[in-house]
Amino acid sequence: MNPVQQTTTVVRPRIGERVMAVVNRDPRTAPHGTRNDAILAVVLAAAGAGLALTDRTGRPDALGWTLLLAAYVPIVWRRRHPVLVLAAVVALVAPYHAMDNNHAAPVPATCVALYTVAVTGRPLRTILTAVAVLGVTVVAMLAVDYHQGLELLRVSGWVIATLFCGVDVRYYRQYVAAIVERAVRAERTREEEARRRVAEERLRIARDLHDLLAHSITLIGVQTSVAAHVLAADPERLDREAVAKSLDDIAETCRTARGELRTTLEVLRENDSAPGRGPLPGLGGVPDLVEAARLAGARVEQTVRVGQAAPAVGAAAYRIVQEALTNAVRHAGPEPAVQVELYEEEGALRLSVTDDGTGPTPGGTPGFGLVGMRERARSVGGTLDAGPRTGGGFGVTAVLPLTTTGEGHA
């Protein structure tokens, strides 16, 4: 025998909860509806027969018993065809009453049929049904016995009360259904919002990793090529200082990339209660980007005339310049001339990175750099254009607001 036994306690709903579940549920969609209605018809028929037997003066004869018991048979199909069932009950009950049998015996069948019509139909149909049933029954009784007709008209309040009860239950079910639908819609909205946030976070991570790794790997590749060229150019006159400088540049680039990657991974591991992600890269880091591009062989000139910008805007400008310089080093050819400009104009930060190179190879596989730059510009409410220049080369221009109301991501 297994020494560890798990016991599961089944919590059964209480009687009140079961009753409310039955009330809230649409009778047309309830499981085992026909079977339950058959049982209901038998119970009601027994109750009606009991009422008829207690009345010695109005006890029905054979035909009366036949009409009385037959009036309960249509109850079996009340959920599927409520109006037809009511019509069948009235057709059987009317001659039963006309024969002056016990008038209380068929009341359960009539009330259940009326209630079903009211709870499953629109109020207008319920009102027309009530008028038709009462009109036909009262007219028939007045034609047979004037006093019985007046008595039936007097007790017709029970018919109206039954119909109002059905209408009230119908509206209550609609109210409960509306609450459930709103709850489902709210839950669906929360799930969609969670998925949207996950997608945005994945996009931000992809941008950060692309900007970091693409820039560093490009610089390392160029610097490695320089070192390999120096080693292979003339082995007898080896320029050891040039090789050492290239290797030092590679090592520095690796250290910088490792530090930024560590910072990014630490941010990803933080939970909601952890401190913020730390200082974002900003406009102050642009000279370092320019210097790294120069070490990779590009002839870069920079003009920075920006006072102060929001951290998110500065981070976006930094990443755009980083990606633009990476593309220039990678695609513009050997020793391209690159111009970097950042300045304020009409309350906005204007950014421009242009080169005189050949640009990307036609027909090559497009990357994610331009997409990432546009996304970063849009994240702070700015715009970005990129493409070949008329006089040759490639250009990236962006207009970013100096302040932003959102919490932009680097």
Protein backbone atom coordinates (compact mmCIF):
# COMPACT_ATOMS: atom_id res chain seq x y z
CA MET A 1 0.00 0.00 0.00
CA ASN A 2 1.22 3.43 -0.83
CA PRO A 3 2.19 5.16 2.46
CA VAL A 4 1.20 8.54 1.06
CA GLN A 5 -2.50 8.71 0.39
CA GLN A 6 -4.13 11.80 -1.00
CA THR A 7 -7.69 12.50 -0.02
CA THR A 8 -9.89 14.75 -2.08
CA THR A 9 -12.78 16.45 -0.38
CA VAL A 10 -15.69 17.14 -2.67
CA VAL A 11 -17.59 20.23 -1.59
CA ARG A 12 -21.21 19.88 -2.60
CA PRO A 13 -23.21 23.02 -3.23
CA ARG A 14 -25.81 23.89 -0.65
CA ILE A 15 -29.53 23.75 -1.33
CA GLY A 16 -29.79 27.52 -1.73
CA GLU A 17 -26.96 27.52 -4.26
CA ARG A 18 -28.63 24.73 -6.22
CA VAL A 19 -31.92 26.61 -6.30
CA MET A 20 -30.22 29.80 -7.52
CA ALA A 21 -28.34 27.81 -10.16
CA VAL A 22 -31.64 26.45 -11.45
CA VAL A 23 -33.19 29.94 -11.44
CA ASN A 24 -30.21 31.49 -13.26
CA ARG A 25 -30.06 28.80 -15.92
CA ASP A 26 -32.04 29.12 -19.13
CA PRO A 27 -34.55 26.24 -19.12
CA ARG A 28 -34.04 25.69 -22.84
CA THR A 29 -30.35 24.90 -22.35
CA ALA A 30 -30.65 22.88 -19.12
CA PRO A 31 -29.38 19.27 -19.33
CA HIS A 32 -31.94 16.43 -19.27
CA GLY A 33 -34.76 18.91 -19.81
CA THR A 34 -37.25 16.45 -21.32
CA ARG A 35 -36.63 13.85 -18.61
CA ASN A 36 -37.05 16.41 -15.84
CA ASP A 37 -40.23 17.77 -17.41
CA ALA A 38 -41.65 14.24 -17.68
CA ILE A 39 -41.07 13.79 -13.96
CA LEU A 40 -42.60 17.23 -13.34
CA ALA A 41 -45.67 16.31 -15.37
CA VAL A 42 -46.20 13.12 -13.35
CA VAL A 43 -45.84 15.00 -10.04
CA LEU A 44 -48.23 17.76 -11.15
CA ALA A 45 -50.75 15.24 -12.47
CA ALA A 46 -50.68 13.45 -9.12
CA ALA A 47 -51.24 16.76 -7.34
CA GLY A 48 -54.12 17.65 -9.67
CA ALA A 49 -55.72 14.22 -9.19
CA GLY A 50 -55.43 14.65 -5.44
CA LEU A 51 -57.21 18.01 -5.63
CA ALA A 52 -59.97 16.47 -7.75
CA LEU A 53 -60.46 13.56 -5.35
CA THR A 54 -60.85 15.87 -2.34
CA ASP A 55 -63.87 17.55 -3.95
CA ARG A 56 -66.86 15.21 -3.71
CA THR A 57 -69.30 17.60 -5.40
CA GLY A 58 -67.04 18.53 -8.34
CA ARG A 59 -65.30 15.21 -8.79
CA PRO A 60 -64.86 14.64 -12.57
CA ASP A 61 -66.43 11.75 -14.45
CA ALA A 62 -64.59 9.52 -16.90
CA LEU A 63 -64.41 12.19 -19.59
CA GLY A 64 -63.36 14.75 -17.01
CA TRP A 65 -60.58 12.50 -15.76
CA THR A 66 -59.41 11.97 -19.31
CA LEU A 67 -59.28 15.70 -20.02
CA LEU A 68 -57.63 16.42 -16.67
CA LEU A 69 -54.83 13.88 -17.02
CA ALA A 70 -54.36 14.67 -20.71
CA ALA A 71 -53.82 18.35 -19.80
CA TYR A 72 -50.61 17.39 -17.97
CA VAL A 73 -49.09 15.41 -20.86
CA PRO A 74 -47.97 18.45 -22.96
CA ILE A 75 -45.87 19.65 -19.99
CA VAL A 76 -43.22 17.13 -21.10
CA TRP A 77 -42.41 19.32 -24.13
CA ARG A 78 -42.86 22.75 -22.52
CA ARG A 79 -39.21 23.80 -23.06
CA ARG A 80 -39.18 23.06 -26.78
CA HIS A 81 -42.60 24.45 -27.74
CA PRO A 82 -43.93 26.62 -24.89
CA VAL A 83 -46.68 28.37 -26.89
CA LEU A 84 -47.98 25.13 -28.44
CA VAL A 85 -47.93 23.44 -25.05
CA LEU A 86 -49.95 26.29 -23.54
CA ALA A 87 -52.43 26.11 -26.42
CA ALA A 88 -52.82 22.34 -25.90
CA VAL A 89 -53.34 22.76 -22.16
CA VAL A 90 -55.96 25.47 -22.69
CA ALA A 91 -57.72 23.33 -25.33
CA LEU A 92 -58.01 20.47 -22.84
CA VAL A 93 -58.76 22.54 -19.75
CA ALA A 94 -61.52 24.67 -21.34
CA PRO A 95 -64.02 21.79 -21.87
CA TYR A 96 -62.99 20.39 -18.48
CA HIS A 97 -64.08 23.62 -16.79
CA ALA A 98 -67.18 23.83 -18.98
CA MET A 99 -68.30 20.49 -17.56
CA ASP A 100 -68.23 22.08 -14.10
CA ASN A 101 -65.59 19.74 -12.74
CA ASN A 102 -63.24 20.64 -9.91
CA HIS A 103 -61.68 23.90 -11.07
CA ALA A 104 -58.54 23.66 -8.93
CA ALA A 105 -57.28 20.36 -10.36
CA PRO A 106 -55.90 21.69 -13.71
CA VAL A 107 -54.39 24.84 -12.16
CA PRO A 108 -50.83 23.40 -11.79
CA ALA A 109 -50.66 22.51 -15.48
CA THR A 110 -51.99 25.91 -16.52
CA CYS A 111 -49.60 27.82 -14.24
CA VAL A 112 -46.53 25.85 -15.40
CA ALA A 113 -47.46 26.38 -19.07
CA LEU A 114 -48.03 30.11 -18.51
CA TYR A 115 -44.79 30.46 -16.55
CA THR A 116 -42.81 28.71 -19.32
CA VAL A 117 -44.22 31.05 -21.97
CA ALA A 118 -43.37 34.10 -19.85
CA VAL A 119 -39.84 32.97 -18.92
CA THR A 120 -38.81 31.98 -22.46
CA GLY A 121 -40.48 34.69 -24.56
CA ARG A 122 -40.49 38.42 -24.96
CA PRO A 123 -42.80 40.55 -22.80
CA LEU A 124 -45.00 41.44 -25.80
CA ARG A 125 -45.62 37.79 -26.53
CA THR A 126 -46.38 37.20 -22.86
CA ILE A 127 -48.94 40.00 -22.78
CA LEU A 128 -50.66 38.79 -25.95
CA THR A 129 -50.69 35.24 -24.60
CA ALA A 130 -52.27 36.38 -21.32
CA VAL A 131 -54.96 38.36 -23.13
CA ALA A 132 -55.73 35.43 -25.43
CA VAL A 133 -55.87 32.82 -22.64
CA LEU A 134 -57.98 34.93 -20.32
CA GLY A 135 -60.25 36.12 -23.11
CA VAL A 136 -60.97 32.67 -24.49
CA THR A 137 -61.44 31.10 -21.07
CA VAL A 138 -63.68 33.82 -19.66
CA VAL A 139 -65.83 34.00 -22.80
CA ALA A 140 -66.24 30.21 -22.79
CA MET A 141 -67.19 30.16 -19.11
CA LEU A 142 -69.61 33.07 -19.45
CA ALA A 143 -71.33 31.25 -22.30
CA VAL A 144 -71.74 28.12 -20.16
CA ASP A 145 -72.35 29.59 -16.73
CA TYR A 146 -72.47 33.30 -16.05
CA HIS A 147 -71.63 32.97 -12.37
CA GLN A 148 -68.71 30.60 -13.04
CA GLY A 149 -67.42 33.05 -15.63
CA LEU A 150 -67.43 35.88 -13.11
CA GLU A 151 -65.70 33.65 -10.56
CA LEU A 152 -63.00 32.79 -13.11
CA LEU A 153 -62.55 36.47 -13.93
CA ARG A 154 -62.16 37.19 -10.24
CA VAL A 155 -59.40 34.64 -9.73
CA SER A 156 -57.61 35.60 -12.97
CA GLY A 157 -55.14 37.53 -10.84
CA TRP A 158 -53.31 34.26 -10.30
CA VAL A 159 -52.77 34.00 -14.03
CA ILE A 160 -51.37 37.53 -14.17
CA ALA A 161 -49.17 36.87 -11.13
CA THR A 162 -47.76 33.72 -12.78
CA LEU A 163 -46.95 35.62 -15.96
CA PHE A 164 -45.30 38.46 -14.04
CA CYS A 165 -43.24 35.92 -12.11
CA GLY A 166 -42.00 34.41 -15.38
CA VAL A 167 -41.16 37.81 -16.84
CA ASP A 168 -39.29 38.79 -13.68
CA VAL A 169 -37.24 35.58 -13.72
CA ARG A 170 -36.45 36.14 -17.40
CA TYR A 171 -35.15 39.65 -16.75
CA TYR A 172 -33.15 38.38 -13.77
CA ARG A 173 -31.50 35.75 -15.96
CA GLN A 174 -30.66 38.38 -18.53
CA TYR A 175 -29.13 40.52 -15.79
CA VAL A 176 -27.01 37.63 -14.52
CA ALA A 177 -25.97 36.75 -18.09
CA ALA A 178 -24.93 40.38 -18.69
CA ILE A 179 -22.81 40.36 -15.52
CA VAL A 180 -21.14 37.11 -16.55
CA GLU A 181 -20.51 38.46 -20.05
CA ARG A 182 -18.95 41.63 -18.67
CA ALA A 183 -16.75 39.57 -16.38
CA VAL A 184 -15.67 37.36 -19.28
CA ARG A 185 -15.01 40.42 -21.44
CA ALA A 186 -12.99 42.05 -18.64
CA GLU A 187 -10.96 38.86 -18.18
CA ARG A 188 -10.36 38.67 -21.91
CA THR A 189 -9.25 42.30 -21.90
CA ARG A 190 -6.83 41.61 -19.05
CA GLU A 191 -5.40 38.63 -20.91
CA GLU A 192 -4.99 40.69 -24.08
CA GLU A 193 -3.32 43.46 -22.09
CA ALA A 194 -0.95 40.93 -20.51
CA ARG A 195 -0.10 39.50 -23.93
CA ARG A 196 0.45 43.01 -25.29
CA ARG A 197 2.81 43.84 -22.44
CA VAL A 198 4.72 40.60 -22.97
CA ALA A 199 5.02 41.36 -26.69
CA GLU A 200 6.24 44.90 -25.98
CA GLU A 201 8.79 43.61 -23.48
CA ARG A 202 10.04 41.01 -25.94
CA LEU A 203 10.35 43.72 -28.58
CA ARG A 204 12.28 45.96 -26.18
CA ILE A 205 14.63 43.10 -25.28
CA ALA A 206 15.15 42.32 -28.96
CA ARG A 207 16.00 45.98 -29.66
CA ASP A 208 18.44 46.17 -26.74
CA LEU A 209 20.22 42.96 -27.68
CA HIS A 210 20.35 43.91 -31.36
CA ASP A 211 21.79 47.34 -30.68
CA LEU A 212 24.30 46.00 -28.19
CA LEU A 213 25.50 42.90 -30.02
CA ALA A 214 25.32 44.24 -33.58
CA HIS A 215 27.37 47.31 -32.69
CA SER A 216 29.99 45.42 -30.68
CA ILE A 217 30.32 42.52 -33.10
CA THR A 218 30.65 44.87 -36.06
CA LEU A 219 33.45 46.82 -34.36
CA ILE A 220 35.21 43.62 -33.30
CA GLY A 221 34.95 42.27 -36.87
CA VAL A 222 36.42 45.43 -38.38
CA GLN A 223 39.21 45.64 -35.81
CA THR A 224 40.02 41.96 -36.30
CA SER A 225 40.23 42.52 -40.06
CA VAL A 226 42.65 45.38 -39.50
CA ALA A 227 44.86 43.22 -37.30
CA ALA A 228 44.77 40.35 -39.81
CA HIS A 229 45.64 42.74 -42.64
CA VAL A 230 48.62 44.12 -40.73
CA LEU A 231 49.87 40.61 -39.96
CA ALA A 232 49.50 39.39 -43.54
CA ALA A 233 50.66 42.54 -45.37
CA ASP A 234 54.44 42.17 -44.92
CA PRO A 235 55.60 39.63 -42.33
CA GLU A 236 59.22 40.88 -42.53
CA ARG A 237 58.22 44.44 -41.58
CA LEU A 238 55.60 43.63 -38.98
CA ASP A 239 54.11 46.71 -37.30
CA ARG A 240 53.80 45.36 -33.80
CA GLU A 241 52.39 48.60 -32.44
CA ALA A 242 49.54 48.57 -34.96
CA VAL A 243 48.73 44.95 -34.16
CA ALA A 244 48.87 45.63 -30.43
CA LYS A 245 46.60 48.65 -30.83
CA SER A 246 44.04 46.63 -32.82
CA LEU A 247 44.07 43.88 -30.22
CA ASP A 248 43.69 46.43 -27.42
CA ASP A 249 40.73 47.97 -29.26
CA ILE A 250 39.17 44.52 -29.61
CA ALA A 251 39.67 43.83 -25.90
CA GLU A 252 38.15 47.20 -24.95
CA THR A 253 35.16 46.61 -27.20
CA CYS A 254 34.66 43.17 -25.64
CA ARG A 255 34.83 44.63 -22.11
CA THR A 256 32.29 47.33 -23.00
CA ALA A 257 29.96 44.82 -24.63
CA ARG A 258 30.27 42.46 -21.67
CA GLY A 259 29.41 45.24 -19.25
CA GLU A 260 26.36 46.34 -21.22
CA LEU A 261 25.23 42.75 -21.65
CA ARG A 262 25.58 42.13 -17.91
CA THR A 263 23.50 45.23 -17.19
CA THR A 264 20.81 44.09 -19.62
CA LEU A 265 20.66 40.61 -18.11
CA GLU A 266 20.45 42.02 -14.59
CA VAL A 267 17.49 44.14 -15.66
CA LEU A 268 15.76 41.11 -17.17
CA ARG A 269 16.21 39.16 -13.94
CA GLU A 270 14.71 41.90 -11.78
CA ASN A 271 11.19 41.40 -10.45
CA ASP A 272 8.56 44.09 -10.03
CA SER A 273 9.75 44.99 -6.55
CA ALA A 274 13.38 45.41 -7.59
CA PRO A 275 14.90 48.84 -8.23
CA GLY A 276 14.66 50.44 -11.66
CA ARG A 277 16.88 49.56 -14.55
CA GLY A 278 19.49 52.17 -13.72
CA PRO A 279 20.76 55.05 -15.83
CA LEU A 280 19.86 54.87 -19.50
CA PRO A 281 22.48 55.58 -22.16
CA GLY A 282 22.09 59.17 -23.25
CA LEU A 283 23.49 61.99 -25.32
CA GLY A 284 26.63 62.02 -23.18
CA GLY A 285 27.60 58.67 -24.66
CA VAL A 286 27.54 59.85 -28.30
CA PRO A 287 31.26 60.88 -28.29
CA ASP A 288 32.18 57.34 -27.20
CA LEU A 289 30.20 55.94 -30.14
CA VAL A 290 31.99 58.31 -32.49
CA GLU A 291 35.38 57.32 -31.09
CA ALA A 292 34.57 53.61 -31.46
CA ALA A 293 33.58 54.18 -35.10
CA ARG A 294 36.84 56.02 -35.71
CA LEU A 295 38.80 53.11 -34.28
CA ALA A 296 36.97 50.90 -36.78
CA GLY A 297 38.31 53.04 -39.64
CA ALA A 298 35.49 55.52 -40.24
CA ARG A 299 36.25 59.24 -40.61
CA VAL A 300 33.57 60.66 -38.31
CA GLU A 301 32.81 64.32 -37.69
CA GLN A 302 30.35 65.21 -34.96
CA THR A 303 28.33 68.31 -34.15
CA VAL A 304 26.35 68.18 -30.90
CA ARG A 305 24.42 71.29 -29.90
CA VAL A 306 21.82 69.94 -27.46
CA GLY A 307 21.26 71.30 -23.99
CA GLN A 308 19.12 68.81 -22.10
CA ALA A 309 16.62 66.15 -23.15
CA ALA A 310 14.39 63.72 -21.32
CA PRO A 311 16.20 60.48 -20.37
CA ALA A 312 14.02 58.38 -22.67
CA VAL A 313 14.63 60.78 -25.58
CA GLY A 314 18.38 60.79 -24.93
CA ALA A 315 18.40 57.00 -24.81
CA ALA A 316 16.49 56.77 -28.09
CA ALA A 317 18.88 59.25 -29.76
CA TYR A 318 21.87 57.30 -28.44
CA ARG A 319 20.57 54.01 -29.83
CA ILE A 320 19.72 55.55 -33.20
CA VAL A 321 23.20 57.04 -33.55
CA GLN A 322 24.72 53.73 -32.45
CA GLU A 323 22.82 51.74 -35.08
CA ALA A 324 23.46 54.33 -37.81
CA LEU A 325 27.22 54.31 -37.12
CA THR A 326 27.20 50.49 -37.03
CA ASN A 327 25.54 50.40 -40.45
CA ALA A 328 28.01 52.94 -41.81
CA VAL A 329 31.02 50.93 -40.59
CA ARG A 330 29.52 47.72 -41.94
CA HIS A 331 28.09 48.80 -45.30
CA ALA A 332 29.64 52.12 -46.34
CA GLY A 333 32.95 50.65 -47.50
CA PRO A 334 36.53 51.27 -46.31
CA GLU A 335 37.16 54.48 -44.35
CA PRO A 336 33.82 56.15 -45.01
CA ALA A 337 33.26 59.81 -44.20
CA VAL A 338 30.45 60.06 -41.67
CA GLN A 339 28.77 63.21 -40.38
CA VAL A 340 26.88 63.09 -37.04
CA GLU A 341 24.73 66.09 -36.11
CA LEU A 342 22.49 66.62 -33.10
CA TYR A 343 20.91 69.99 -32.44
CA GLU A 344 17.79 71.65 -31.06
CA GLU A 345 15.26 73.34 -33.32
CA GLU A 346 11.71 74.47 -32.59
CA GLY A 347 11.54 72.53 -29.34
CA ALA A 348 12.69 69.25 -30.86
CA LEU A 349 15.89 67.25 -31.03
CA ARG A 350 17.00 66.82 -34.63
CA LEU A 351 19.41 64.03 -35.42
CA SER A 352 21.30 63.29 -38.63
CA VAL A 353 23.86 60.59 -39.48
CA THR A 354 25.04 60.62 -43.10
CA ASP A 355 27.88 58.91 -44.93
CA ASP A 356 29.37 58.92 -48.45
CA GLY A 357 29.68 55.15 -48.76
CA THR A 358 28.13 52.67 -51.12
CA GLY A 359 25.33 51.62 -48.78
CA PRO A 360 23.98 48.11 -48.22
CA THR A 361 24.56 45.50 -50.88
CA PRO A 362 21.55 45.33 -53.25
CA GLY A 363 19.55 42.15 -52.88
CA GLY A 364 21.04 41.38 -49.48
CA THR A 365 19.02 40.01 -46.60
CA PRO A 366 17.37 42.92 -44.76
CA GLY A 367 18.14 43.20 -41.07
CA PHE A 368 16.31 44.66 -38.10
CA GLY A 369 18.38 47.81 -37.69
CA LEU A 370 16.14 50.24 -39.59
CA VAL A 371 13.02 48.73 -38.03
CA GLY A 372 14.53 49.09 -34.58
CA MET A 373 15.49 52.74 -35.19
CA ARG A 374 11.97 53.61 -36.32
CA GLU A 375 10.49 51.84 -33.30
CA ARG A 376 12.76 53.75 -30.95
CA ALA A 377 11.78 57.05 -32.54
CA ARG A 378 8.07 56.19 -32.27
CA SER A 379 8.47 55.08 -28.64
CA VAL A 380 9.17 58.71 -27.62
CA GLY A 381 6.72 60.30 -30.07
CA GLY A 382 9.23 61.10 -32.82
CA THR A 383 9.75 60.23 -36.48
CA LEU A 384 12.65 58.79 -38.45
CA ASP A 385 13.58 58.61 -42.13
CA ALA A 386 16.36 56.51 -43.59
CA GLY A 387 17.49 55.78 -47.13
CA PRO A 388 20.02 56.46 -49.87
CA ARG A 389 21.02 60.08 -50.43
CA THR A 390 20.67 61.86 -53.75
CA GLY A 391 24.38 62.62 -54.04
CA GLY A 392 25.45 59.18 -52.91
CA GLY A 393 25.79 57.50 -49.57
CA PHE A 394 23.18 56.77 -46.93
CA GLY A 395 21.41 59.03 -44.48
CA VAL A 396 19.40 58.69 -41.28
CA THR A 397 17.41 61.66 -39.96
CA ALA A 398 15.14 61.75 -36.93
CA VAL A 399 13.06 64.35 -35.13
CA LEU A 400 12.46 63.62 -31.43
CA PRO A 401 10.63 65.71 -28.85
CA LEU A 402 12.88 67.03 -26.09
CA THR A 403 10.32 65.96 -23.48
CA THR A 404 8.06 62.94 -23.46
CA THR A 405 5.00 62.11 -21.36
CA GLY A 406 5.41 58.33 -21.65
CA GLU A 407 7.97 56.09 -20.08
CA GLY A 408 10.04 55.34 -23.14
CA HIS A 409 12.30 52.31 -23.20
CA ALA A 410 15.88 52.40 -24.34
